[in-house]
N, C-alpha and C. Protein backbone atom coordinates (compact mmCIF):
# COMPACT_ATOMS: atom_id res chain seq x y z
N UNK A 1 0.86 -1.17 0.00
CA UNK A 1 0.00 0.00 0.00
C UNK A 1 0.91 1.23 0.00
N UNK A 2 0.70 2.10 -0.97
CA UNK A 2 1.53 3.30 -1.07
C UNK A 2 0.93 4.45 -0.27
N UNK A 3 1.71 5.49 -0.05
CA UNK A 3 1.20 6.69 0.61
C UNK A 3 0.04 7.29 -0.18
N UNK A 4 0.13 7.23 -1.51
CA UNK A 4 -0.96 7.75 -2.35
C UNK A 4 -2.25 6.97 -2.12
N UNK A 5 -2.14 5.62 -2.04
CA UNK A 5 -3.32 4.80 -1.76
C UNK A 5 -3.92 5.16 -0.41
N UNK A 6 -3.08 5.27 0.59
CA UNK A 6 -3.56 5.63 1.94
C UNK A 6 -4.28 6.96 1.91
N UNK A 7 -3.69 7.95 1.26
CA UNK A 7 -4.32 9.26 1.17
C UNK A 7 -5.66 9.21 0.46
N UNK A 8 -5.76 8.45 -0.63
CA UNK A 8 -7.02 8.34 -1.37
C UNK A 8 -8.09 7.64 -0.55
N UNK A 9 -7.70 6.59 0.18
CA UNK A 9 -8.67 5.86 0.99
C UNK A 9 -9.17 6.70 2.16
N UNK A 10 -8.28 7.42 2.81
CA UNK A 10 -8.70 8.30 3.91
C UNK A 10 -9.62 9.39 3.38
N UNK A 11 -9.27 9.97 2.24
CA UNK A 11 -10.11 11.01 1.64
C UNK A 11 -11.49 10.46 1.27
N UNK A 12 -11.55 9.22 0.78
CA UNK A 12 -12.82 8.58 0.47
C UNK A 12 -13.67 8.43 1.73
N UNK A 13 -13.05 7.97 2.82
CA UNK A 13 -13.78 7.81 4.09
C UNK A 13 -14.29 9.16 4.59
N UNK A 14 -13.47 10.20 4.47
CA UNK A 14 -13.89 11.54 4.90
C UNK A 14 -15.03 12.06 4.04
N UNK A 15 -14.98 11.80 2.73
CA UNK A 15 -16.07 12.22 1.84
C UNK A 15 -17.36 11.51 2.18
N UNK A 16 -17.26 10.22 2.47
CA UNK A 16 -18.43 9.43 2.89
C UNK A 16 -19.05 10.05 4.13
N UNK A 17 -18.22 10.32 5.13
CA UNK A 17 -18.75 10.84 6.39
C UNK A 17 -19.35 12.23 6.22
N UNK A 18 -18.66 13.10 5.49
CA UNK A 18 -19.19 14.45 5.26
C UNK A 18 -20.52 14.38 4.53
N UNK A 19 -20.61 13.54 3.50
CA UNK A 19 -21.87 13.40 2.76
C UNK A 19 -22.98 12.88 3.65
N UNK A 20 -22.68 11.92 4.50
CA UNK A 20 -23.69 11.36 5.40
C UNK A 20 -24.09 12.37 6.45
N UNK A 21 -23.12 13.00 7.07
CA UNK A 21 -23.38 13.93 8.17
C UNK A 21 -24.22 15.13 7.72
N UNK A 22 -23.92 15.64 6.51
CA UNK A 22 -24.60 16.83 6.01
C UNK A 22 -25.72 16.51 5.02
N UNK A 23 -25.98 15.23 4.77
CA UNK A 23 -27.04 14.85 3.84
C UNK A 23 -26.78 15.31 2.42
N UNK A 24 -25.52 15.27 1.97
CA UNK A 24 -25.13 15.73 0.64
C UNK A 24 -25.22 14.59 -0.37
N UNK A 25 -26.34 14.51 -1.07
CA UNK A 25 -26.57 13.42 -2.02
C UNK A 25 -25.50 13.38 -3.10
N UNK A 26 -25.11 14.55 -3.64
CA UNK A 26 -24.14 14.57 -4.73
C UNK A 26 -22.78 14.02 -4.30
N UNK A 27 -22.40 14.27 -3.07
CA UNK A 27 -21.14 13.75 -2.55
C UNK A 27 -21.22 12.24 -2.34
N UNK A 28 -22.33 11.78 -1.78
CA UNK A 28 -22.51 10.35 -1.57
C UNK A 28 -22.55 9.60 -2.89
N UNK A 29 -23.15 10.18 -3.91
CA UNK A 29 -23.19 9.54 -5.23
C UNK A 29 -21.80 9.46 -5.86
N UNK A 30 -20.89 10.35 -5.46
CA UNK A 30 -19.51 10.29 -5.97
C UNK A 30 -18.68 9.22 -5.27
N UNK A 31 -18.90 9.00 -3.98
CA UNK A 31 -18.05 8.05 -3.24
C UNK A 31 -18.57 6.62 -3.29
N UNK A 32 -19.86 6.43 -3.58
CA UNK A 32 -20.44 5.08 -3.64
C UNK A 32 -20.67 4.66 -5.09
N UNK A 33 -20.51 3.38 -5.35
CA UNK A 33 -20.94 2.79 -6.61
C UNK A 33 -22.47 2.79 -6.62
N UNK A 34 -23.11 2.95 -7.76
CA UNK A 34 -24.58 2.98 -7.81
C UNK A 34 -25.25 1.75 -7.21
N UNK A 35 -24.63 0.58 -7.31
CA UNK A 35 -25.22 -0.65 -6.77
C UNK A 35 -24.82 -0.95 -5.34
N UNK A 36 -24.21 0.01 -4.64
CA UNK A 36 -23.74 -0.23 -3.26
C UNK A 36 -24.87 -0.70 -2.36
N UNK A 37 -24.51 -1.56 -1.42
CA UNK A 37 -25.47 -2.09 -0.45
C UNK A 37 -25.04 -1.68 0.96
N UNK A 38 -26.02 -1.56 1.82
CA UNK A 38 -25.83 -1.14 3.21
C UNK A 38 -26.52 -2.16 4.09
N UNK A 39 -25.78 -2.76 5.00
CA UNK A 39 -26.38 -3.72 5.92
C UNK A 39 -25.71 -3.60 7.26
N UNK A 40 -26.51 -3.63 8.31
CA UNK A 40 -25.95 -3.54 9.63
C UNK A 40 -26.95 -3.91 10.70
N UNK A 41 -26.50 -3.73 11.94
CA UNK A 41 -27.32 -4.04 13.10
C UNK A 41 -27.34 -2.81 14.00
N UNK A 42 -28.55 -2.33 14.28
CA UNK A 42 -28.74 -1.21 15.19
C UNK A 42 -29.82 -1.60 16.19
N UNK A 43 -29.47 -1.56 17.47
CA UNK A 43 -30.40 -1.92 18.54
C UNK A 43 -30.99 -3.32 18.33
N UNK A 44 -30.15 -4.24 17.87
CA UNK A 44 -30.56 -5.62 17.69
C UNK A 44 -31.35 -5.89 16.42
N UNK A 45 -31.62 -4.89 15.62
CA UNK A 45 -32.40 -5.07 14.39
C UNK A 45 -31.49 -5.04 13.16
N UNK A 46 -31.76 -5.94 12.23
CA UNK A 46 -31.05 -5.96 10.94
C UNK A 46 -31.60 -4.83 10.07
N UNK A 47 -30.70 -4.10 9.45
CA UNK A 47 -31.07 -3.01 8.56
C UNK A 47 -30.42 -3.27 7.21
N UNK A 48 -31.20 -3.16 6.14
CA UNK A 48 -30.69 -3.36 4.78
C UNK A 48 -31.23 -2.24 3.89
N UNK A 49 -30.33 -1.65 3.11
CA UNK A 49 -30.73 -0.57 2.22
C UNK A 49 -29.91 -0.60 0.95
N UNK A 50 -30.45 0.04 -0.08
CA UNK A 50 -29.69 0.35 -1.28
C UNK A 50 -29.23 1.80 -1.18
N UNK A 51 -28.46 2.26 -2.16
CA UNK A 51 -27.92 3.60 -2.14
C UNK A 51 -29.00 4.66 -2.09
N UNK A 52 -30.04 4.54 -2.90
CA UNK A 52 -31.12 5.53 -2.90
C UNK A 52 -31.80 5.65 -1.55
N UNK A 53 -32.05 4.53 -0.92
CA UNK A 53 -32.68 4.53 0.41
C UNK A 53 -31.76 5.18 1.45
N UNK A 54 -30.46 4.88 1.35
CA UNK A 54 -29.49 5.46 2.28
C UNK A 54 -29.44 6.98 2.12
N UNK A 55 -29.37 7.46 0.88
CA UNK A 55 -29.32 8.90 0.65
C UNK A 55 -30.59 9.58 1.16
N UNK A 56 -31.74 8.96 0.92
CA UNK A 56 -33.00 9.53 1.43
C UNK A 56 -33.01 9.56 2.95
N UNK A 57 -32.48 8.52 3.59
CA UNK A 57 -32.45 8.46 5.06
C UNK A 57 -31.57 9.55 5.63
N UNK A 58 -30.36 9.72 5.10
CA UNK A 58 -29.46 10.72 5.69
C UNK A 58 -29.90 12.14 5.37
N UNK A 59 -30.62 12.33 4.28
CA UNK A 59 -31.10 13.66 3.94
C UNK A 59 -32.43 14.00 4.57
N UNK A 60 -33.09 13.00 5.15
CA UNK A 60 -34.45 13.17 5.64
C UNK A 60 -34.65 14.07 6.83
N UNK A 61 -33.66 14.21 7.70
CA UNK A 61 -33.90 15.00 8.92
C UNK A 61 -32.90 16.13 9.10
N UNK A 62 -32.16 16.47 8.05
CA UNK A 62 -31.22 17.59 8.18
C UNK A 62 -31.98 18.90 8.00
N UNK A 63 -31.44 19.93 8.57
CA UNK A 63 -32.06 21.25 8.45
C UNK A 63 -31.07 22.20 7.81
N UNK A 64 -31.38 22.69 6.63
CA UNK A 64 -30.57 23.69 5.94
C UNK A 64 -29.09 23.32 5.85
N UNK A 65 -28.81 22.05 5.60
CA UNK A 65 -27.43 21.64 5.42
C UNK A 65 -26.62 21.56 6.70
N UNK A 66 -27.25 21.73 7.83
CA UNK A 66 -26.54 21.65 9.11
C UNK A 66 -26.28 20.20 9.47
N UNK A 67 -25.16 19.92 10.11
CA UNK A 67 -24.87 18.53 10.49
C UNK A 67 -25.86 18.01 11.52
N UNK A 68 -26.12 16.70 11.44
CA UNK A 68 -27.05 16.06 12.36
C UNK A 68 -26.45 15.93 13.76
N UNK A 69 -25.13 15.84 13.86
CA UNK A 69 -24.43 15.74 15.14
C UNK A 69 -23.06 16.37 14.98
N UNK A 70 -22.32 16.38 16.07
CA UNK A 70 -20.95 16.89 16.00
C UNK A 70 -20.09 16.01 15.10
N UNK A 71 -19.04 16.60 14.53
CA UNK A 71 -18.14 15.86 13.65
C UNK A 71 -17.24 14.97 14.49
N UNK A 72 -17.24 13.69 14.22
CA UNK A 72 -16.36 12.76 14.92
C UNK A 72 -16.14 11.56 14.02
N UNK A 73 -14.95 11.47 13.44
CA UNK A 73 -14.61 10.38 12.55
C UNK A 73 -13.17 9.97 12.81
N UNK A 74 -12.95 8.66 12.94
CA UNK A 74 -11.58 8.17 12.99
C UNK A 74 -11.47 6.95 12.10
N UNK A 75 -10.40 6.91 11.32
CA UNK A 75 -10.12 5.74 10.49
C UNK A 75 -9.33 4.78 11.37
N UNK A 76 -9.91 3.64 11.65
CA UNK A 76 -9.34 2.67 12.57
C UNK A 76 -8.47 1.63 11.86
N UNK A 77 -8.77 1.36 10.57
CA UNK A 77 -8.06 0.31 9.86
C UNK A 77 -8.15 0.56 8.36
N UNK A 78 -7.04 0.33 7.68
CA UNK A 78 -7.01 0.28 6.22
C UNK A 78 -6.33 -1.03 5.86
N UNK A 79 -6.97 -1.82 5.01
CA UNK A 79 -6.36 -3.06 4.54
C UNK A 79 -6.64 -3.16 3.05
N UNK A 80 -5.58 -3.33 2.26
CA UNK A 80 -5.72 -3.32 0.82
C UNK A 80 -4.98 -4.50 0.21
N UNK A 81 -5.62 -5.12 -0.79
CA UNK A 81 -4.98 -6.14 -1.61
C UNK A 81 -5.31 -5.79 -3.05
N UNK A 82 -4.31 -5.33 -3.78
CA UNK A 82 -4.52 -4.94 -5.17
C UNK A 82 -5.59 -3.86 -5.28
N UNK A 83 -6.63 -4.12 -6.09
CA UNK A 83 -7.65 -3.09 -6.31
C UNK A 83 -8.84 -3.16 -5.35
N UNK A 84 -8.73 -3.89 -4.25
CA UNK A 84 -9.80 -3.94 -3.25
C UNK A 84 -9.25 -3.59 -1.89
N UNK A 85 -10.12 -3.01 -1.06
CA UNK A 85 -9.67 -2.61 0.28
C UNK A 85 -10.86 -2.58 1.23
N UNK A 86 -10.54 -2.56 2.51
CA UNK A 86 -11.53 -2.37 3.57
C UNK A 86 -11.07 -1.20 4.42
N UNK A 87 -12.01 -0.32 4.71
CA UNK A 87 -11.75 0.82 5.61
C UNK A 87 -12.69 0.66 6.80
N UNK A 88 -12.11 0.59 7.99
CA UNK A 88 -12.91 0.56 9.21
C UNK A 88 -12.91 1.97 9.80
N UNK A 89 -14.10 2.53 9.99
CA UNK A 89 -14.20 3.85 10.59
C UNK A 89 -15.10 3.81 11.81
N UNK A 90 -14.80 4.68 12.74
CA UNK A 90 -15.64 4.87 13.92
C UNK A 90 -16.13 6.30 13.83
N UNK A 91 -17.46 6.49 13.96
CA UNK A 91 -18.01 7.83 13.77
C UNK A 91 -19.24 8.06 14.63
N UNK A 92 -19.56 9.34 14.76
CA UNK A 92 -20.79 9.76 15.46
C UNK A 92 -21.79 10.20 14.41
N UNK A 93 -23.02 9.72 14.55
CA UNK A 93 -24.08 10.11 13.63
C UNK A 93 -25.39 10.12 14.39
N UNK A 94 -26.03 11.27 14.41
CA UNK A 94 -27.32 11.43 15.08
C UNK A 94 -27.31 10.92 16.51
N UNK A 95 -26.25 11.31 17.24
CA UNK A 95 -26.17 11.01 18.65
C UNK A 95 -25.70 9.62 19.02
N UNK A 96 -25.33 8.82 18.02
CA UNK A 96 -24.88 7.45 18.28
C UNK A 96 -23.46 7.27 17.76
N UNK A 97 -22.73 6.31 18.34
CA UNK A 97 -21.42 5.94 17.85
C UNK A 97 -21.55 4.67 17.03
N UNK A 98 -21.01 4.70 15.83
CA UNK A 98 -21.06 3.57 14.90
C UNK A 98 -19.66 3.10 14.55
N UNK A 99 -19.55 1.83 14.22
CA UNK A 99 -18.38 1.29 13.55
C UNK A 99 -18.87 0.83 12.19
N UNK A 100 -18.23 1.36 11.14
CA UNK A 100 -18.58 1.04 9.76
C UNK A 100 -17.41 0.34 9.10
N UNK A 101 -17.70 -0.70 8.36
CA UNK A 101 -16.71 -1.36 7.52
C UNK A 101 -17.09 -1.06 6.08
N UNK A 102 -16.25 -0.30 5.40
CA UNK A 102 -16.50 0.11 4.03
C UNK A 102 -15.65 -0.76 3.11
N UNK A 103 -16.28 -1.54 2.25
CA UNK A 103 -15.57 -2.33 1.25
C UNK A 103 -15.45 -1.46 0.00
N UNK A 104 -14.24 -1.32 -0.49
CA UNK A 104 -14.01 -0.42 -1.62
C UNK A 104 -13.27 -1.13 -2.74
N UNK A 105 -13.50 -0.65 -3.96
CA UNK A 105 -12.86 -1.21 -5.15
C UNK A 105 -12.31 -0.05 -5.96
N UNK A 106 -11.11 -0.24 -6.49
CA UNK A 106 -10.50 0.77 -7.35
C UNK A 106 -10.94 0.49 -8.79
N UNK A 107 -11.63 1.44 -9.36
CA UNK A 107 -12.14 1.33 -10.73
C UNK A 107 -11.37 2.36 -11.55
N UNK A 108 -10.50 1.89 -12.42
CA UNK A 108 -9.59 2.80 -13.11
C UNK A 108 -8.63 3.36 -12.07
N UNK A 109 -8.67 4.67 -11.90
CA UNK A 109 -7.80 5.31 -10.91
C UNK A 109 -8.58 5.81 -9.70
N UNK A 110 -9.87 5.43 -9.60
CA UNK A 110 -10.75 5.99 -8.58
C UNK A 110 -11.28 4.91 -7.66
N UNK A 111 -11.17 5.14 -6.35
CA UNK A 111 -11.74 4.24 -5.35
C UNK A 111 -13.22 4.57 -5.16
N UNK A 112 -14.07 3.53 -5.06
CA UNK A 112 -15.50 3.69 -4.80
C UNK A 112 -15.93 2.68 -3.75
N UNK A 113 -16.86 3.10 -2.89
CA UNK A 113 -17.41 2.21 -1.86
C UNK A 113 -18.49 1.34 -2.52
N UNK A 114 -18.39 0.02 -2.33
CA UNK A 114 -19.36 -0.90 -2.90
C UNK A 114 -20.26 -1.53 -1.84
N UNK A 115 -19.84 -1.46 -0.57
CA UNK A 115 -20.63 -2.05 0.50
C UNK A 115 -20.30 -1.36 1.82
N UNK A 116 -21.32 -1.18 2.64
CA UNK A 116 -21.14 -0.65 3.98
C UNK A 116 -21.82 -1.61 4.96
N UNK A 117 -21.04 -2.15 5.91
CA UNK A 117 -21.58 -2.95 6.99
C UNK A 117 -21.33 -2.15 8.27
N UNK A 118 -22.33 -2.10 9.15
CA UNK A 118 -22.22 -1.21 10.30
C UNK A 118 -22.93 -1.76 11.52
N UNK A 119 -22.54 -1.22 12.68
CA UNK A 119 -23.24 -1.50 13.92
C UNK A 119 -23.02 -0.34 14.88
N UNK A 120 -23.91 -0.22 15.84
CA UNK A 120 -23.74 0.79 16.89
C UNK A 120 -22.91 0.18 18.01
N UNK A 121 -22.18 1.05 18.72
CA UNK A 121 -21.35 0.58 19.82
C UNK A 121 -21.69 1.29 21.13
N UNK A 122 -22.79 2.00 21.15
CA UNK A 122 -23.25 2.62 22.41
C UNK A 122 -24.73 2.41 22.61
């Protein structure tokens, strides 16, 4: 993994979080592949969504572009093999702490998120 790869993957994770936190559909559409899937466990319930549902959910309760909660993101793990990687992030969203595993694929020269698996930790 090169320094350039690390920088691109961290920037991708930051773009994901900014888009989610501020409900920015155009940013989320840039960082995710159109067929991306979202699956996780929150409060013991399985949650499954497609990209459109995810964008509608994060945009649904924002007010005038203001963040839903304070900014809190840390990249906990980067693991890459060739054109695929996993990014583990810990973040705050709407008053909860989440751990997200973002599966990413390099398409040409651009990394895109193809899957998000998540759970709450508080």
